[in-house]
Amino acid sequence: MKERPLVMSLAADQSADAALGVLSHFRVQFYDCLYTRADALFELTDAVVCSDGPVTSLVELTLTAEHRRGHGAMYDALNHGWLEPRRLRRLLAATPLPRAADGRIVLAVDVSNWLRPDAPTSPELLFCHVYGRGRSADQFIPGWPYSFVAALETGRTSWTAVLDAIRLGPSDDATAVTAAQLREVVTRLVHAGQWRPGDADILVVMDTGYDVTRLAYVLADLPVELVGRLRSDRVMLRDAGPGVPRRAAGSPASTAASSPSPSRNPGTPPTRPRRATPPATAGPKPLPGTGCTRDCRPVAPGSITAVNPL
């Protein structure tokens, strides 16, 4: 079986024997998570991991050497098999995680869409916002959005340590689902001994579209730090501070403002500055389909109103 790349992905800095022990323990525990049609589901999982290139159809998996059963057993396993998700989530949390260079746990949360444009009768389909398909910059395509939580490591790698995945429903609040998902993942990591008191807080990285402020408030009791990207047009407002009280009439400031200026002759009436006349090219534009500007008002019978020419 082609297990060598998977061994190196689990623990690249350890010996091959230690990595093989971690992989063997994970395979045994994963088999225990399969309650119904365990053998068929286990071989199907091996076929997905060891297949050459992306999987385009389920029938192709039955042609691999790892799948020793017919295509009928494969469909029966998918239709009637059962995997306990809670036990699998605890197993993933207890597996050695990739960490940053300083030993800190870094989690990434994001939504990935499983597009199903050719399955309009599938239940709970949503319109997923995608980019780079067709001529237009973005499109809305029917599919299922999934919220993933994965552990990151320093450097570049082609392997992803996925810890949790939840499908978003039509009536789900993305921020509320993400908050509950992160709380469960962090709780499982703490119970598995991945994080202990005194360690650096778990860093959670998220992309644009997440309400980082709301998530930080909801997850304030957990040992996490949130880092998110903000839109370029996001406006950050500061506290306006205490309000300035309005001055009462007759106060020294109001009387000083109303007293005549000493530089002007008391007998000379005050002169009002003339407003600058805007050039002809800066006049207001007429409304479409009309001959008047926004400054036009209803004309009373018998009166005359000047209208700027077109």
Protein backbone atom coordinates (compact mmCIF):
# COMPACT_ATOMS: atom_id res chain seq x y z
CA MET A 1 0.00 0.00 0.00
CA LYS A 2 1.12 3.55 -0.68
CA GLU A 3 1.47 4.62 2.93
CA ARG A 4 4.91 6.17 2.74
CA PRO A 5 3.77 9.73 1.82
CA LEU A 6 1.13 9.65 4.57
CA VAL A 7 3.73 8.56 7.13
CA MET A 8 6.04 11.41 6.23
CA SER A 9 3.14 13.89 6.39
CA LEU A 10 2.25 12.93 9.94
CA ALA A 11 5.69 13.44 11.46
CA ALA A 12 8.37 14.57 9.05
CA ASP A 13 10.87 15.39 11.81
CA GLN A 14 10.64 11.94 13.44
CA SER A 15 11.99 8.58 12.42
CA ALA A 16 10.08 6.36 10.04
CA ASP A 17 9.37 3.83 12.81
CA ALA A 18 7.82 6.46 15.09
CA ALA A 19 5.73 7.88 12.26
CA LEU A 20 4.61 4.39 11.28
CA GLY A 21 3.52 3.76 14.88
CA VAL A 22 1.41 6.93 14.86
CA LEU A 23 -0.16 5.96 11.56
CA SER A 24 -0.90 2.39 12.70
CA HIS A 25 -2.55 3.65 15.89
CA PHE A 26 -4.68 6.08 13.88
CA ARG A 27 -5.79 3.36 11.46
CA VAL A 28 -6.84 1.05 14.29
CA GLN A 29 -8.78 3.80 16.04
CA PHE A 30 -10.36 4.92 12.77
CA TYR A 31 -11.59 1.38 12.11
CA ASP A 32 -13.23 1.39 15.53
CA CYS A 33 -15.17 4.53 14.52
CA LEU A 34 -16.91 2.54 11.74
CA TYR A 35 -19.99 0.86 13.20
CA THR A 36 -21.74 -0.54 10.09
CA ARG A 37 -20.12 -1.86 6.88
CA ALA A 38 -16.75 -1.25 8.52
CA ASP A 39 -14.62 -3.30 6.11
CA ALA A 40 -16.11 -1.78 2.98
CA LEU A 41 -15.83 1.79 4.32
CA PHE A 42 -12.26 1.19 5.49
CA GLU A 43 -11.16 -0.07 2.07
CA LEU A 44 -12.97 2.81 0.40
CA THR A 45 -11.03 5.26 2.58
CA ASP A 46 -7.75 3.59 1.60
CA ALA A 47 -8.74 3.87 -2.04
CA VAL A 48 -9.38 7.62 -1.71
CA VAL A 49 -6.02 8.21 0.03
CA CYS A 50 -3.96 6.04 -2.33
CA SER A 51 -5.60 6.96 -5.65
CA ASP A 52 -3.45 8.70 -8.25
CA GLY A 53 -4.85 12.17 -8.84
CA PRO A 54 -8.26 13.61 -8.00
CA VAL A 55 -11.28 11.35 -7.65
CA THR A 56 -13.86 12.11 -10.33
CA SER A 57 -16.28 9.20 -9.77
CA LEU A 58 -16.92 6.56 -7.15
CA VAL A 59 -16.66 3.70 -9.62
CA GLU A 60 -13.01 4.56 -10.26
CA LEU A 61 -12.22 3.85 -6.61
CA THR A 62 -13.26 0.23 -7.01
CA LEU A 63 -10.55 -0.22 -9.66
CA THR A 64 -7.70 0.59 -7.25
CA ALA A 65 -5.63 -2.17 -5.66
CA GLU A 66 -6.63 -1.08 -2.14
CA HIS A 67 -10.35 -1.68 -2.79
CA ARG A 68 -10.76 -5.46 -2.97
CA ARG A 69 -14.55 -5.49 -3.31
CA GLY A 70 -16.95 -4.87 -6.13
CA HIS A 71 -18.77 -1.67 -6.91
CA GLY A 72 -21.95 -3.07 -5.35
CA ALA A 73 -20.28 -3.32 -1.95
CA MET A 74 -19.06 0.25 -2.34
CA TYR A 75 -22.58 1.62 -2.94
CA ASP A 76 -23.98 -0.51 -0.13
CA ALA A 77 -21.37 0.89 2.27
CA LEU A 78 -22.23 4.47 1.34
CA ASN A 79 -25.99 3.90 1.60
CA HIS A 80 -26.11 1.77 4.75
CA GLY A 81 -22.74 2.29 6.43
CA TRP A 82 -22.27 4.41 9.55
CA LEU A 83 -19.32 6.35 10.95
CA GLU A 84 -19.53 7.85 14.44
CA PRO A 85 -18.53 11.53 13.91
CA ARG A 86 -17.99 12.38 17.59
CA ARG A 87 -15.52 9.57 18.08
CA LEU A 88 -13.67 10.54 14.91
CA ARG A 89 -13.44 14.17 16.06
CA ARG A 90 -11.92 13.08 19.38
CA LEU A 91 -9.45 10.89 17.50
CA LEU A 92 -8.36 13.78 15.27
CA ALA A 93 -7.88 16.03 18.29
CA ALA A 94 -5.70 13.40 20.01
CA THR A 95 -3.46 12.85 16.95
CA PRO A 96 -0.13 14.77 16.98
CA LEU A 97 -0.87 18.15 15.41
CA PRO A 98 1.32 20.28 13.17
CA ARG A 99 2.44 23.38 15.03
CA ALA A 100 4.15 26.67 14.35
CA ALA A 101 7.89 27.12 14.70
CA ASP A 102 7.50 28.23 18.34
CA GLY A 103 5.31 25.23 19.22
CA ARG A 104 2.08 27.21 19.18
CA ILE A 105 -1.18 25.72 17.88
CA VAL A 106 -2.50 27.69 14.91
CA LEU A 107 -6.00 26.97 13.62
CA ALA A 108 -7.55 28.22 10.40
CA VAL A 109 -11.32 28.44 9.85
CA ASP A 110 -12.84 28.91 6.43
CA VAL A 111 -15.88 27.97 4.35
CA SER A 112 -15.44 25.74 1.30
CA ASN A 113 -18.26 25.07 -1.12
CA TRP A 114 -19.22 21.72 -2.61
CA LEU A 115 -20.83 22.89 -5.83
CA ARG A 116 -23.75 20.84 -7.19
CA PRO A 117 -25.09 22.77 -10.22
CA ASP A 118 -26.39 19.56 -11.85
CA ALA A 119 -28.33 18.36 -8.79
CA PRO A 120 -31.22 20.82 -8.32
CA THR A 121 -33.28 18.29 -6.34
CA SER A 122 -30.66 17.76 -3.64
CA PRO A 123 -31.88 18.83 -0.18
CA GLU A 124 -30.80 22.06 1.56
CA LEU A 125 -28.91 23.49 -1.39
CA LEU A 126 -27.69 27.08 -1.10
CA PHE A 127 -26.39 29.59 -3.59
CA CYS A 128 -22.62 29.60 -3.04
CA HIS A 129 -20.60 32.69 -3.94
CA VAL A 130 -17.62 31.60 -6.07
CA TYR A 131 -14.97 33.38 -8.14
CA GLY A 132 -13.11 32.57 -11.32
CA ARG A 133 -15.79 30.56 -13.11
CA GLY A 134 -16.81 31.66 -16.57
CA ARG A 135 -16.44 35.14 -17.93
CA SER A 136 -17.93 37.00 -14.99
CA ALA A 137 -15.82 37.76 -11.94
CA ASP A 138 -18.15 36.03 -9.49
CA GLN A 139 -21.20 33.79 -9.65
CA PHE A 140 -23.81 32.19 -7.40
CA ILE A 141 -23.91 28.43 -8.00
CA PRO A 142 -26.08 25.90 -6.10
CA GLY A 143 -24.11 23.80 -3.65
CA TRP A 144 -23.38 22.94 -0.03
CA PRO A 145 -21.10 25.26 2.01
CA TYR A 146 -18.94 23.54 4.63
CA SER A 147 -17.13 25.22 7.51
CA PHE A 148 -13.68 23.66 8.05
CA VAL A 149 -11.24 23.99 10.93
CA ALA A 150 -7.67 22.89 10.18
CA ALA A 151 -4.34 23.03 12.01
CA LEU A 152 -1.54 24.99 10.32
CA GLU A 153 2.21 24.65 10.49
CA THR A 154 5.19 26.81 9.60
CA GLY A 155 6.38 26.52 6.02
CA ARG A 156 4.79 25.14 2.88
CA THR A 157 3.12 21.76 2.74
CA SER A 158 0.58 19.94 0.60
CA TRP A 159 -1.09 18.21 3.57
CA THR A 160 -3.93 19.65 5.63
CA ALA A 161 -4.76 18.51 9.16
CA VAL A 162 -8.54 18.91 9.15
CA LEU A 163 -10.02 18.78 12.67
CA ASP A 164 -13.69 19.48 12.04
CA ALA A 165 -16.21 20.07 9.23
CA ILE A 166 -19.83 21.23 9.49
CA ARG A 167 -22.29 21.83 6.68
CA LEU A 168 -24.11 25.15 6.84
CA GLY A 169 -27.87 25.07 6.47
CA PRO A 170 -30.20 27.64 4.93
CA SER A 171 -31.23 29.06 8.32
CA ASP A 172 -27.80 28.95 10.02
CA ASP A 173 -25.95 32.03 11.18
CA ALA A 174 -22.38 31.64 9.93
CA THR A 175 -20.89 33.51 12.88
CA ALA A 176 -22.87 31.53 15.46
CA VAL A 177 -21.98 28.22 13.81
CA THR A 178 -18.30 29.19 13.67
CA ALA A 179 -18.30 30.20 17.34
CA ALA A 180 -19.82 26.88 18.42
CA GLN A 181 -17.47 24.95 16.13
CA LEU A 182 -14.35 26.67 17.47
CA ARG A 183 -15.50 26.17 21.05
CA GLU A 184 -15.91 22.42 20.50
CA VAL A 185 -12.56 22.08 18.71
CA VAL A 186 -10.64 23.98 21.39
CA THR A 187 -12.38 22.01 24.14
CA ARG A 188 -11.40 18.73 22.50
CA LEU A 189 -7.79 19.89 22.13
CA VAL A 190 -7.65 20.80 25.83
CA HIS A 191 -9.13 17.46 26.89
CA ALA A 192 -6.66 15.61 24.63
CA GLY A 193 -3.71 17.37 26.28
CA GLN A 194 -2.70 19.34 23.18
CA TRP A 195 -2.92 22.60 25.20
CA ARG A 196 -2.07 22.95 28.88
CA PRO A 197 -2.22 25.92 31.27
CA GLY A 198 0.86 28.05 30.76
CA ASP A 199 1.11 27.43 27.02
CA ALA A 200 0.66 30.20 24.49
CA ASP A 201 -2.92 30.89 23.48
CA ILE A 202 -4.23 29.08 20.42
CA LEU A 203 -4.10 31.37 17.39
CA VAL A 204 -7.20 31.30 15.18
CA VAL A 205 -6.78 32.76 11.68
CA MET A 206 -9.80 33.65 9.54
CA ASP A 207 -10.42 35.38 6.26
CA THR A 208 -12.60 38.31 5.26
CA GLY A 209 -16.29 37.88 5.98
CA TYR A 210 -16.07 36.80 9.64
CA ASP A 211 -17.24 39.06 12.43
CA VAL A 212 -13.99 38.97 14.41
CA THR A 213 -15.28 41.35 17.09
CA ARG A 214 -18.34 39.24 17.80
CA LEU A 215 -16.33 36.00 17.83
CA ALA A 216 -13.78 37.50 20.24
CA TYR A 217 -16.59 38.49 22.60
CA VAL A 218 -18.27 35.07 22.46
CA LEU A 219 -15.00 33.12 22.86
CA ALA A 220 -13.52 35.37 25.54
CA ASP A 221 -13.44 32.52 28.10
CA LEU A 222 -11.25 30.29 25.90
CA PRO A 223 -7.43 30.46 25.55
CA VAL A 224 -7.58 31.73 21.97
CA GLU A 225 -6.44 34.77 20.01
CA LEU A 226 -8.31 35.73 16.85
CA VAL A 227 -6.68 37.20 13.77
CA GLY A 228 -8.88 38.21 10.85
CA ARG A 229 -8.68 40.14 7.63
CA LEU A 230 -10.74 43.30 7.22
CA ARG A 231 -12.23 44.73 4.08
CA SER A 232 -10.44 47.67 2.52
CA ASP A 233 -13.55 49.84 2.93
CA ARG A 234 -14.03 48.99 6.62
CA VAL A 235 -14.36 52.13 8.77
CA MET A 236 -13.00 51.91 12.31
CA LEU A 237 -14.71 54.41 14.65
CA ARG A 238 -13.26 55.55 17.96
CA ASP A 239 -15.14 56.55 21.08
CA ALA A 240 -16.54 60.06 20.72
CA GLY A 241 -15.85 60.77 24.39
CA PRO A 242 -18.01 62.81 26.74
CA GLY A 243 -20.39 65.26 25.13
CA VAL A 244 -19.72 69.01 25.23
CA PRO A 245 -22.53 70.85 27.11
CA ARG A 246 -24.34 73.57 25.18
CA ARG A 247 -23.76 77.11 26.44
CA ALA A 248 -26.82 78.85 27.89
CA ALA A 249 -28.06 82.19 26.57
CA GLY A 250 -26.47 85.16 28.29
CA SER A 251 -23.26 83.32 29.16
CA PRO A 252 -19.95 85.18 28.73
CA ALA A 253 -19.14 83.21 25.60
CA SER A 254 -22.49 83.97 23.93
CA THR A 255 -22.36 87.69 24.81
CA ALA A 256 -18.80 87.95 23.54
CA ALA A 257 -19.81 86.37 20.26
CA SER A 258 -22.71 88.84 19.83
CA SER A 259 -20.71 91.99 20.77
CA PRO A 260 -19.50 94.19 17.89
CA SER A 261 -15.97 93.75 16.67
CA PRO A 262 -13.57 96.51 17.82
CA SER A 263 -12.05 96.77 14.34
CA ARG A 264 -15.35 97.99 12.82
CA ASN A 265 -16.90 101.42 13.27
CA PRO A 266 -19.95 101.09 15.57
CA GLY A 267 -21.97 103.38 13.31
CA THR A 268 -21.28 101.34 10.18
CA PRO A 269 -23.70 98.51 9.49
CA PRO A 270 -22.11 95.10 9.24
CA THR A 271 -21.30 93.97 5.73
CA ARG A 272 -22.17 90.45 4.67
CA PRO A 273 -19.56 88.72 2.52
CA ARG A 274 -20.65 88.12 -1.04
CA ARG A 275 -20.89 84.54 -2.21
CA ALA A 276 -18.64 83.62 -5.07
CA THR A 277 -20.49 83.00 -8.31
CA PRO A 278 -19.63 79.54 -9.65
CA PRO A 279 -18.55 79.28 -13.26
CA ALA A 280 -21.04 78.29 -15.92
CA THR A 281 -19.45 74.88 -16.32
CA ALA A 282 -19.96 74.06 -12.61
CA GLY A 283 -23.73 74.41 -12.64
CA PRO A 284 -26.01 71.59 -11.56
CA LYS A 285 -26.77 68.98 -14.18
CA PRO A 286 -30.38 68.58 -15.31
CA LEU A 287 -32.30 65.52 -14.32
CA PRO A 288 -32.64 62.85 -17.01
CA GLY A 289 -35.67 63.42 -19.19
CA THR A 290 -36.41 66.88 -17.78
CA GLY A 291 -35.36 70.40 -18.57
CA CYS A 292 -34.70 71.53 -15.01
CA THR A 293 -32.19 70.86 -12.28
CA ARG A 294 -32.63 69.55 -8.74
CA ASP A 295 -33.12 73.16 -7.62
CA CYS A 296 -36.42 73.49 -9.54
CA ARG A 297 -39.54 73.92 -7.45
CA PRO A 298 -43.25 73.92 -8.37
CA VAL A 299 -44.17 77.17 -10.09
CA ALA A 300 -47.16 79.07 -8.85
CA PRO A 301 -49.70 80.24 -11.48
CA GLY A 302 -48.70 83.54 -13.02
CA SER A 303 -45.08 83.45 -11.82
CA ILE A 304 -41.86 83.03 -13.80
CA THR A 305 -38.93 80.78 -12.87
CA ALA A 306 -35.47 80.86 -14.42
CA VAL A 307 -34.23 77.43 -15.49
CA ASN A 308 -30.65 76.62 -16.37
CA PRO A 309 -30.39 75.72 -20.05
CA LEU A 310 -29.32 72.22 -21.08
